[in-house]
C-alpha atoms as a PDB file:
ATOM      1  CA  MET A   1     -18.888  -7.188   9.008  1.00  0.00           C
ATOM      2  CA  GLU A   2     -15.767  -5.113   9.583  1.00  0.00           C
ATOM      3  CA  LYS A   3     -14.942  -2.342   7.092  1.00  0.00           C
ATOM      4  CA  PHE A   4     -11.879  -3.104   4.971  1.00  0.00           C
ATOM      5  CA  ASP A   5      -9.055  -0.679   5.771  1.00  0.00           C
ATOM      6  CA  GLU A   6      -6.939  -0.254   2.657  1.00  0.00           C
ATOM      7  CA  ARG A   7      -4.183   1.639   4.463  1.00  0.00           C
ATOM      8  CA  LYS A   8      -3.713  -1.102   7.070  1.00  0.00           C
ATOM      9  CA  ALA A   9      -3.651  -3.716   4.303  1.00  0.00           C
ATOM     10  CA  ILE A  10      -0.990  -1.749   2.412  1.00  0.00           C
ATOM     11  CA  LEU A  11       1.144  -1.433   5.551  1.00  0.00           C
ATOM     12  CA  LYS A  12       0.774  -5.174   6.215  1.00  0.00           C
ATOM     13  CA  LEU A  13       1.915  -6.019   2.673  1.00  0.00           C
ATOM     14  CA  ILE A  14       4.877  -3.635   2.792  1.00  0.00           C
ATOM     15  CA  LEU A  15       5.868  -4.961   6.228  1.00  0.00           C
ATOM     16  CA  SER A  16       6.000  -8.504   4.808  1.00  0.00           C
ATOM     17  CA  SER A  17       8.532  -7.561   2.114  1.00  0.00           C
ATOM     18  CA  LYS A  18      12.105  -6.569   2.903  1.00  0.00           C
ATOM     19  CA  LYS A  19      12.827  -5.736  -0.771  1.00  0.00           C
ATOM     20  CA  GLY A  20       9.976  -3.247  -1.175  1.00  0.00           C
ATOM     21  CA  VAL A  21       6.696  -3.529  -3.034  1.00  0.00           C
ATOM     22  CA  PRO A  22       5.861  -2.000  -6.431  1.00  0.00           C
ATOM     23  CA  LYS A  23       2.521  -0.210  -6.759  1.00  0.00           C
ATOM     24  CA  GLU A  24       1.240  -2.880  -9.171  1.00  0.00           C
ATOM     25  CA  ASN A  25       1.614  -5.539  -6.454  1.00  0.00           C
ATOM     26  CA  ILE A  26      -0.193  -3.319  -3.957  1.00  0.00           C
ATOM     27  CA  ILE A  27      -3.113  -2.977  -6.398  1.00  0.00           C
ATOM     28  CA  GLU A  28      -3.257  -6.756  -6.935  1.00  0.00           C
ATOM     29  CA  TYR A  29      -3.118  -7.374  -3.185  1.00  0.00           C
ATOM     30  CA  LEU A  30      -5.987  -4.969  -2.479  1.00  0.00           C
ATOM     31  CA  ASP A  31      -8.033  -6.367  -5.387  1.00  0.00           C
ATOM     32  CA  TYR A  32      -7.630  -9.908  -4.066  1.00  0.00           C
ATOM     33  CA  ASN A  33      -8.264  -9.166  -0.388  1.00  0.00           C
ATOM     34  CA  ASN A  34     -11.244  -6.842  -0.752  1.00  0.00           C
ATOM     35  CA  LYS A  35     -12.726  -8.410  -3.902  1.00  0.00           C
ATOM     36  CA  VAL A  36     -12.939  -4.905  -5.426  1.00  0.00           C
ATOM     37  CA  LYS A  37     -10.998  -3.632  -8.438  1.00  0.00           C
ATOM     38  CA  TYR A  38      -8.838  -0.652  -7.437  1.00  0.00           C
ATOM     39  CA  SER A  39      -7.582   1.909  -9.928  1.00  0.00           C
ATOM     40  CA  ASP A  40      -4.044   3.224 -10.047  1.00  0.00           C
ATOM     41  CA  ASN A  41      -5.331   6.645  -8.927  1.00  0.00           C
ATOM     42  CA  GLU A  42      -7.161   5.224  -5.877  1.00  0.00           C
ATOM     43  CA  VAL A  43      -4.050   3.428  -4.672  1.00  0.00           C
ATOM     44  CA  GLU A  44      -1.959   6.531  -5.342  1.00  0.00           C
ATOM     45  CA  VAL A  45      -4.210   8.448  -2.912  1.00  0.00           C
ATOM     46  CA  PHE A  46      -3.720   5.796  -0.195  1.00  0.00           C
ATOM     47  CA  LEU A  47       0.054   5.801  -0.721  1.00  0.00           C
ATOM     48  CA  ALA A  48       0.233   9.615  -0.711  1.00  0.00           C
ATOM     49  CA  ASP A  49      -1.704   9.667   2.568  1.00  0.00           C
ATOM     50  CA  LEU A  50       0.591   7.083   4.168  1.00  0.00           C
ATOM     51  CA  ASN A  51       3.648   8.922   2.819  1.00  0.00           C
ATOM     52  CA  GLY A  52       2.335  12.185   4.287  1.00  0.00           C
ATOM     53  CA  GLN A  53       2.061  10.458   7.667  1.00  0.00           C
ATOM     54  CA  ASN A  54       5.707   9.276   7.297  1.00  0.00           C
ATOM     55  CA  LYS A  55       4.641   5.627   7.411  1.00  0.00           C
ATOM     56  CA  VAL A  56       5.928   4.670   3.944  1.00  0.00           C
ATOM     57  CA  LYS A  57       8.468   5.942   1.455  1.00  0.00           C
ATOM     58  CA  ASN A  58       9.108   5.344  -2.235  1.00  0.00           C
ATOM     59  CA  ILE A  59      12.551   4.430  -3.483  1.00  0.00           C
ATOM     60  CA  GLU A  60      12.909   3.919  -7.247  1.00  0.00           C
ATOM     61  CA  GLY A  61       9.313   2.720  -7.665  1.00  0.00           C
ATOM     62  CA  PHE A  62       9.299   0.396  -4.638  1.00  0.00           C
ATOM     63  CA  TRP A  63       7.433   1.166  -1.417  1.00  0.00           C
ATOM     64  CA  PHE A  64       9.057   0.577   1.981  1.00  0.00           C
ATOM     65  CA  LEU A  65       8.107   1.310   5.572  1.00  0.00           C
ATOM     66  CA  SER A  66       9.657   4.537   6.818  1.00  0.00           C
ATOM     67  CA  LYS A  67      12.129   4.315   9.649  1.00  0.00           C
ATOM     68  CA  GLU A  68      10.927   6.718  12.314  1.00  0.00           C
END
């Protein structure tokens, strides 16, 4: 069985939304897809990592893909 990659799942969700995605929706999406309950802090770590790699950005509480 393939290991679930939370960062790829987050990027996939954000890519599917032109209006941005709030962190609460990201948590729900990960919970549903991996059948594991994620905490706010866990998801914050994933988002901070993706933000540090310039893959996502936060604008007024909504997450978007970064334009490189």
